[in-house]
Amino acid sequence: MNLEQTALQLSNSAFLKFTMSFHIVAASTGIIFLSIVQWNRKLFAPIRNLSQFNQASRAQVAYSANGFSYFLDFFDVLFNAFQLLDNHACSSCYEVRGEQQQSVPSDILVRAPYCMSLRTPLLLSCYGSIFSQLAMAAERYRASSNLANYESTGRAVGHLLNAIHILATALIWVVHMTFYGTERVSAHCTMITPEGGTVHTSIPMITIVCEIVTITTFKRLLTRNSRLHNNTATGLTLSERYQLSENIRMLNLLLPTIWSHTSIGIIATLIYFALMLIFPAPEMYPLIETKQDSQNEFPPQESVSLLYLQGIFMPLIFIYRSRKENMRVQRIRSINTMQSAMLASYHAKAFMEG
C-alpha cells in the first residue's frame, strides 16, 4: 500500500475517528480532573498530607514533576488528535477530486521534522512520568534507610533526584529522536518509526524494567517498614518510630498511584508487542491492520496508547482516598463527642468484635 492509499484509507477510517475522539474526550477529562485536584489541594487529604512534614515535601518534589508530565501529555494528545482529525477530515473533501487528479492533497502528508516537534511533548511526558516515579522510589528508600536524621535534612536530595530524573528523561528522548529519521513523509505522525528499528523497540523494555523496579521497591519498603514498626524489640527511639510511621504513611499514600501507572504502562506495552508480532507493518505504525480484504489491503487501526490515562486515574484515586480519610476523621470526631454511657457502650462493642 503506497502513501496516497494509506492517506485515503485514513480519511475513511471510522475506527480512526472513533479512537481520536476517545483521545480528545479522555485528555479533556484528565485536564479537568488534574486542575480540580491542583486548585483544591487543601481539600484532598492525600495531597494535603504531602505538605505537612519535611520528608513529605521532598516526595512532593517528585510528585509535582509527575503531575506536570501528565498535563504535558494531555495537551499533546489533544493537539495531535485534533490535528489528525482535521487533516483527514479535509482529505475526505478532496477524495472526489482526488479520483480525477489521481493524487492526495499535499497538506495531508507530514514530514519527519514536523512529527519530531509534535511528538516531543508526548515522549517527554511519558518518559518523565516513569522516571519521576523511579525518583519517588529512590527517595522513599533513602527515607527508610535513614530514620535517625532524615527529618532534619533539607530538600537538596529531593532536588538532586529530580534533576537526575530530568536528565534521564532527556537522554532517552535524545536517543529516541536520533533514530527517528529526518527524511520520512507519512500520512500521520508516530512515536515509533521504521528508521528507529531495534532502538525504538528496545526503549519500551527499558520503561518496563523501570516500572518493575519502582513497584518492587515500594512493596518491599512497605513490607520491611511495617515489620519493623510492629516489632517492639527493635530499640528504636521515639523520633525514629515517628519517622518510621510517617514513611509507612507516605508509602501507603503513593502506592495506589504507582500500581495504576505500572499496570497501565505494562499492559499497554505488552499489547503493543503483541500487535507488532501479530500484525507486522512498521510502515503503518501506530495504525495497526486488523483484517485483510479481498484486494490484500489492510484497513488501518489505531494502536494502543494508554499511558496518559494515568492522569485520570491518579486524581480519581486521590479523590477516593480523600473521601475515605474524611469519613474516618468524622467517625473519630463523632466518637470523641459521645456521652459517657454511649462511649462505654461503643468501647464494649469494639472490644467484643476484636
Protein backbone atom coordinates (compact mmCIF):
# COMPACT_ATOMS: atom_id res chain seq x y z
CA MET A 1 0.00 0.00 0.00
CA ASN A 2 1.52 3.33 -1.06
CA LEU A 3 1.39 6.58 0.88
CA GLU A 4 -1.53 8.02 -1.06
CA GLN A 5 -3.64 4.92 -0.49
CA THR A 6 -2.79 4.99 3.21
CA ALA A 7 -3.85 8.62 3.49
CA LEU A 8 -7.15 7.95 1.72
CA GLN A 9 -7.85 4.95 3.96
CA LEU A 10 -7.21 7.10 7.00
CA SER A 11 -9.73 9.60 5.67
CA ASN A 12 -12.42 6.91 5.51
CA SER A 13 -11.48 5.06 8.70
CA ALA A 14 -14.38 5.20 11.16
CA PHE A 15 -12.19 3.48 13.74
CA LEU A 16 -9.59 6.23 13.43
CA LYS A 17 -12.23 8.90 14.03
CA PHE A 18 -13.60 6.96 17.00
CA THR A 19 -10.13 6.48 18.51
CA MET A 20 -9.13 10.11 18.06
CA SER A 21 -12.47 11.22 19.53
CA PHE A 22 -11.81 8.96 22.53
CA HIS A 23 -8.37 10.54 22.97
CA ILE A 24 -9.92 14.02 22.86
CA VAL A 25 -12.58 13.19 25.46
CA ALA A 26 -10.11 11.34 27.72
CA ALA A 27 -7.46 14.06 27.52
CA SER A 28 -10.02 16.81 28.21
CA THR A 29 -11.34 14.84 31.19
CA GLY A 30 -7.81 14.37 32.51
CA ILE A 31 -7.04 18.09 32.28
CA ILE A 32 -10.23 18.90 34.18
CA PHE A 33 -9.54 16.29 36.90
CA LEU A 34 -5.92 17.34 37.38
CA SER A 35 -6.93 21.01 37.50
CA ILE A 36 -9.61 20.32 40.13
CA VAL A 37 -7.14 18.44 42.32
CA GLN A 38 -4.39 21.06 41.92
CA TRP A 39 -6.69 24.04 42.56
CA ASN A 40 -8.22 22.39 45.63
CA ARG A 41 -5.11 20.83 47.14
CA LYS A 42 -6.16 21.63 50.70
CA LEU A 43 -9.45 19.77 50.27
CA PHE A 44 -7.81 16.48 49.33
CA ALA A 45 -6.23 14.67 52.26
CA PRO A 46 -3.62 12.69 50.27
CA ILE A 47 -2.16 15.81 48.63
CA ARG A 48 -2.62 17.93 51.75
CA ASN A 49 -0.62 15.39 53.72
CA LEU A 50 2.25 15.71 51.24
CA SER A 51 2.92 19.20 52.60
CA GLN A 52 2.57 18.55 56.32
CA PHE A 53 6.05 17.21 57.04
CA ASN A 54 9.54 17.97 55.83
CA GLN A 55 10.18 14.49 54.45
CA ALA A 56 6.82 14.59 52.69
CA SER A 57 7.73 17.84 50.99
CA ARG A 58 10.70 16.11 49.40
CA ALA A 59 8.37 13.47 48.00
CA GLN A 60 6.18 16.31 46.77
CA VAL A 61 9.04 17.47 44.51
CA ALA A 62 8.83 14.23 42.53
CA TYR A 63 5.02 14.19 42.73
CA SER A 64 4.82 17.70 41.23
CA ALA A 65 7.09 16.67 38.36
CA ASN A 66 4.88 13.63 37.81
CA GLY A 67 1.73 15.74 37.68
CA PHE A 68 3.34 18.19 35.25
CA SER A 69 4.20 15.26 32.97
CA TYR A 70 0.53 14.31 32.72
CA PHE A 71 -0.54 17.88 31.97
CA LEU A 72 2.02 17.93 29.15
CA ASP A 73 0.83 14.53 27.96
CA PHE A 74 -2.83 15.56 27.86
CA PHE A 75 -2.19 18.72 25.86
CA ASP A 76 -0.05 16.83 23.35
CA VAL A 77 -2.68 14.10 22.95
CA LEU A 78 -5.35 16.75 22.43
CA PHE A 79 -3.35 18.67 19.84
CA ASN A 80 -2.33 15.55 17.93
CA ALA A 81 -5.88 14.14 17.89
CA PHE A 82 -7.36 17.42 16.65
CA GLN A 83 -4.60 17.77 14.05
CA LEU A 84 -5.08 14.23 12.76
CA LEU A 85 -8.86 14.53 12.61
CA ASP A 86 -8.65 17.91 10.90
CA ASN A 87 -6.16 16.75 8.28
CA HIS A 88 -8.06 13.64 7.33
CA ALA A 89 -11.46 15.28 7.54
CA CYS A 90 -10.12 17.65 4.88
CA SER A 91 -8.82 14.75 2.81
CA SER A 92 -12.32 13.27 2.53
CA CYS A 93 -13.42 16.56 0.97
CA TYR A 94 -10.75 16.09 -1.71
CA GLU A 95 -11.50 12.43 -2.37
CA VAL A 96 -13.79 13.02 -5.35
CA ARG A 97 -11.35 15.44 -6.87
CA GLY A 98 -8.57 13.05 -5.93
CA GLU A 99 -10.08 10.45 -8.23
CA GLN A 100 -9.82 12.96 -11.05
CA GLN A 101 -6.37 14.23 -10.14
CA GLN A 102 -5.09 10.81 -9.05
CA SER A 103 -3.29 12.41 -6.12
CA VAL A 104 -3.71 13.26 -2.45
CA PRO A 105 -3.59 16.91 -1.32
CA SER A 106 -0.13 17.70 -0.05
CA ASP A 107 -1.39 19.28 3.18
CA ILE A 108 -2.46 15.84 4.43
CA LEU A 109 1.07 14.45 4.40
CA VAL A 110 3.51 15.27 7.19
CA ARG A 111 7.30 15.26 7.19
CA ALA A 112 9.59 13.87 9.88
CA PRO A 113 10.83 17.24 11.29
CA TYR A 114 7.24 18.33 11.94
CA CYS A 115 6.44 14.98 13.55
CA MET A 116 9.53 15.23 15.74
CA SER A 117 8.34 18.56 17.12
CA LEU A 118 4.80 17.24 17.54
CA ARG A 119 5.81 14.03 19.31
CA THR A 120 8.42 15.60 21.59
CA PRO A 121 5.97 16.68 24.36
CA LEU A 122 4.37 13.23 24.40
CA LEU A 123 7.72 11.46 24.60
CA LEU A 124 9.00 13.77 27.35
CA SER A 125 5.80 13.37 29.37
CA CYS A 126 5.73 9.56 29.06
CA TYR A 127 9.38 9.07 29.94
CA GLY A 128 9.22 11.84 32.55
CA SER A 129 6.33 10.23 34.42
CA ILE A 130 8.11 6.88 34.51
CA PHE A 131 11.44 8.27 35.75
CA SER A 132 9.75 10.59 38.26
CA GLN A 133 8.17 7.55 39.91
CA LEU A 134 11.57 5.90 39.97
CA ALA A 135 12.81 9.03 41.75
CA MET A 136 9.97 8.66 44.28
CA ALA A 137 11.07 5.09 44.96
CA ALA A 138 14.69 6.22 45.48
CA GLU A 139 13.54 8.99 47.83
CA ARG A 140 11.45 6.56 49.89
CA TYR A 141 14.35 4.11 50.02
CA ARG A 142 16.62 6.80 51.43
CA ALA A 143 13.96 7.76 53.97
CA SER A 144 13.67 4.12 55.09
CA SER A 145 17.43 3.77 55.42
CA ASN A 146 17.95 6.99 57.37
CA LEU A 147 15.31 7.07 60.09
CA ALA A 148 17.52 8.78 62.66
CA ASN A 149 18.08 12.12 60.93
CA TYR A 150 16.12 12.13 57.67
CA GLU A 151 13.60 14.65 59.00
CA SER A 152 16.35 17.18 59.79
CA THR A 153 17.88 17.10 56.30
CA GLY A 154 16.98 19.67 53.66
CA ARG A 155 15.44 19.32 50.24
CA ALA A 156 18.75 19.02 48.41
CA VAL A 157 18.36 15.26 47.91
CA GLY A 158 14.85 15.70 46.53
CA HIS A 159 16.07 18.29 44.04
CA LEU A 160 19.03 16.07 43.13
CA LEU A 161 16.75 13.11 42.40
CA ASN A 162 14.50 15.39 40.40
CA ALA A 163 17.49 16.60 38.36
CA ILE A 164 18.61 13.01 37.74
CA HIS A 165 15.16 12.00 36.52
CA ILE A 166 15.05 15.02 34.19
CA LEU A 167 18.48 14.14 32.77
CA ALA A 168 17.44 10.50 32.29
CA THR A 169 14.27 11.64 30.51
CA ALA A 170 16.27 13.97 28.26
CA LEU A 171 18.80 11.22 27.48
CA ILE A 172 16.13 8.72 26.41
CA TRP A 173 14.42 11.43 24.36
CA VAL A 174 17.70 12.29 22.58
CA VAL A 175 18.31 8.62 21.77
CA HIS A 176 14.74 8.24 20.54
CA MET A 177 14.91 11.31 18.30
CA THR A 178 18.39 10.50 16.99
CA PHE A 179 17.00 7.37 15.35
CA TYR A 180 13.65 8.91 14.40
CA GLY A 181 14.71 9.75 10.85
CA THR A 182 14.54 13.12 9.09
CA GLU A 183 13.50 12.29 5.53
CA ARG A 184 10.33 10.32 6.17
CA VAL A 185 6.99 11.52 4.76
CA SER A 186 3.83 9.91 6.13
CA ALA A 187 0.09 10.36 6.44
CA HIS A 188 0.28 10.67 10.23
CA CYS A 189 2.84 11.34 12.95
CA THR A 190 4.05 8.41 15.04
CA MET A 191 6.21 7.83 18.09
CA ILE A 192 7.87 4.77 16.52
CA THR A 193 9.30 4.83 13.00
CA PRO A 194 10.78 2.13 10.74
CA GLU A 195 14.06 4.05 10.83
CA GLY A 196 14.17 3.59 14.61
CA GLY A 197 14.40 -0.17 14.23
CA THR A 198 15.72 -2.03 17.26
CA VAL A 199 16.37 1.17 19.21
CA HIS A 200 12.71 2.22 19.22
CA THR A 201 11.53 -1.27 20.14
CA SER A 202 14.15 -1.58 22.91
CA ILE A 203 13.15 1.62 24.71
CA PRO A 204 9.80 0.14 25.87
CA MET A 205 11.77 -2.67 27.51
CA ILE A 206 13.72 -0.07 29.50
CA THR A 207 10.47 1.51 30.65
CA ILE A 208 9.12 -1.90 31.70
CA VAL A 209 12.23 -2.51 33.81
CA CYS A 210 11.82 0.92 35.43
CA GLU A 211 8.17 0.20 36.21
CA ILE A 212 9.01 -3.17 37.75
CA VAL A 213 11.85 -1.69 39.83
CA THR A 214 9.55 1.07 41.08
CA ILE A 215 6.68 -1.15 42.17
CA THR A 216 9.03 -3.76 43.66
CA THR A 217 10.87 -1.10 45.66
CA PHE A 218 7.64 0.34 47.07
CA LYS A 219 6.28 -3.08 48.03
CA ARG A 220 9.50 -4.25 49.68
CA LEU A 221 9.89 -0.98 51.57
CA LEU A 222 6.31 -1.11 52.82
CA THR A 223 6.68 -4.73 53.96
CA ARG A 224 10.02 -4.12 55.68
CA ASN A 225 8.91 -0.93 57.40
CA SER A 226 5.65 -2.49 58.57
CA ARG A 227 7.51 -5.43 60.12
CA LEU A 228 9.95 -3.06 61.79
CA HIS A 229 7.12 -0.93 63.12
CA ASN A 230 5.29 -3.94 64.58
CA ASN A 231 8.44 -5.26 66.24
CA THR A 232 8.64 -3.66 69.69
CA ALA A 233 12.09 -5.12 70.40
CA THR A 234 13.95 -3.10 67.76
CA GLY A 235 15.24 -0.48 70.20
CA LEU A 236 14.13 2.46 68.05
CA THR A 237 13.82 5.86 69.69
CA LEU A 238 10.51 7.70 69.74
CA SER A 239 11.78 10.01 66.99
CA GLU A 240 12.79 7.06 64.81
CA ARG A 241 9.45 5.32 65.35
CA TYR A 242 7.71 8.54 64.39
CA GLN A 243 9.77 8.75 61.19
CA LEU A 244 9.01 5.09 60.51
CA SER A 245 5.27 5.73 60.89
CA GLU A 246 5.49 8.70 58.55
CA ASN A 247 7.39 6.65 55.99
CA ILE A 248 4.73 3.92 56.10
CA ARG A 249 2.04 6.57 55.69
CA MET A 250 3.83 8.03 52.66
CA LEU A 251 4.27 4.59 51.08
CA ASN A 252 0.59 3.79 51.56
CA LEU A 253 -0.25 7.20 50.13
CA LEU A 254 1.78 6.81 46.92
CA LEU A 255 1.45 3.07 46.32
CA PRO A 256 -2.02 3.11 44.66
CA THR A 257 -0.91 5.68 42.07
CA ILE A 258 2.26 3.66 41.40
CA TRP A 259 0.19 0.50 40.96
CA SER A 260 -2.20 2.12 38.49
CA HIS A 261 0.62 3.69 36.47
CA THR A 262 2.59 0.45 36.41
CA SER A 263 -0.47 -1.57 35.39
CA ILE A 264 -1.33 0.81 32.54
CA GLY A 265 2.28 1.02 31.35
CA ILE A 266 2.95 -2.71 31.37
CA ILE A 267 -0.41 -3.67 29.85
CA ALA A 268 -0.08 -1.07 27.08
CA THR A 269 3.49 -2.13 26.31
CA LEU A 270 2.60 -5.83 26.21
CA ILE A 271 -0.34 -5.13 23.92
CA TYR A 272 1.99 -3.10 21.69
CA PHE A 273 4.43 -6.01 21.38
CA ALA A 274 1.58 -8.45 20.76
CA LEU A 275 0.17 -6.29 17.98
CA MET A 276 3.60 -5.90 16.40
CA LEU A 277 4.03 -9.68 16.38
CA ILE A 278 0.55 -10.40 15.05
CA PHE A 279 0.36 -7.50 12.60
CA PRO A 280 3.91 -6.68 11.49
CA ALA A 281 3.50 -3.49 9.47
CA PRO A 282 6.10 -0.95 10.64
CA GLU A 283 5.21 1.49 7.87
CA MET A 284 1.67 1.66 9.28
CA TYR A 285 2.61 2.13 12.94
CA PRO A 286 0.75 3.20 15.03
CA LEU A 287 -2.12 2.28 12.71
CA ILE A 288 -2.28 -1.49 13.04
CA GLU A 289 -4.14 -3.54 10.42
CA THR A 290 -6.74 -5.93 11.84
CA LYS A 291 -8.15 -7.77 8.84
CA GLN A 292 -7.37 -8.36 5.21
CA ASP A 293 -9.79 -7.52 2.43
CA SER A 294 -10.22 -9.10 -0.97
CA GLN A 295 -7.57 -6.88 -2.53
CA ASN A 296 -4.95 -7.78 0.09
CA GLU A 297 -5.06 -4.29 1.52
CA PHE A 298 -5.21 -3.74 5.25
CA PRO A 299 -7.56 -1.13 6.75
CA PRO A 300 -5.55 0.75 9.37
CA GLN A 301 -6.48 0.81 13.05
CA GLU A 302 -5.11 2.90 15.88
CA SER A 303 -2.71 1.05 18.17
CA VAL A 304 -2.53 1.20 21.95
CA SER A 305 -1.51 4.48 23.58
CA LEU A 306 -2.88 4.36 27.11
CA LEU A 307 -0.21 5.70 29.44
CA TYR A 308 -1.75 9.17 29.61
CA LEU A 309 -4.86 7.64 31.23
CA GLN A 310 -2.88 7.56 34.48
CA GLY A 311 -3.50 11.31 34.61
CA ILE A 312 -7.20 10.46 35.02
CA PHE A 313 -6.78 7.57 37.45
CA MET A 314 -4.42 9.48 39.75
CA PRO A 315 -6.91 12.28 40.61
CA LEU A 316 -9.69 9.71 41.00
CA ILE A 317 -7.53 7.75 43.45
CA PHE A 318 -6.80 10.93 45.40
CA ILE A 319 -10.49 11.85 45.47
CA TYR A 320 -11.46 8.36 46.67
CA ARG A 321 -8.76 8.31 49.37
CA SER A 322 -9.70 11.83 50.43
CA ARG A 323 -13.34 10.85 50.89
CA LYS A 324 -12.26 7.77 52.83
CA GLU A 325 -9.96 9.83 55.06
CA ASN A 326 -12.66 12.44 55.69
CA MET A 327 -15.12 9.71 56.68
CA ARG A 328 -12.55 8.30 59.11
CA VAL A 329 -11.99 11.72 60.69
CA GLN A 330 -15.74 12.30 61.02
CA ARG A 331 -16.15 8.91 62.69
CA ILE A 332 -13.39 9.72 65.18
CA ARG A 333 -14.95 13.10 65.93
CA SER A 334 -18.35 11.51 66.48
CA ILE A 335 -16.78 9.02 68.90
CA ASN A 336 -14.98 11.79 70.79
CA THR A 337 -18.23 13.72 71.26
CA MET A 338 -20.17 10.75 72.66
CA GLN A 339 -21.64 10.88 76.14
CA SER A 340 -20.10 8.67 78.82
CA ALA A 341 -22.68 5.88 78.58
CA MET A 342 -22.60 5.83 74.78
CA LEU A 343 -18.80 5.88 74.78
CA ALA A 344 -18.65 2.96 77.22
CA SER A 345 -21.11 1.02 75.06
CA TYR A 346 -19.05 1.75 71.94
CA HIS A 347 -15.81 0.58 73.54
CA ALA A 348 -17.50 -2.57 74.85
CA LYS A 349 -18.81 -3.35 71.37
CA ALA A 350 -15.40 -2.72 69.80
CA PHE A 351 -13.75 -4.95 72.42
CA MET A 352 -16.20 -7.80 71.77
CA GLU A 353 -15.75 -7.54 67.98
CA GLY A 354 -11.96 -7.51 68.35
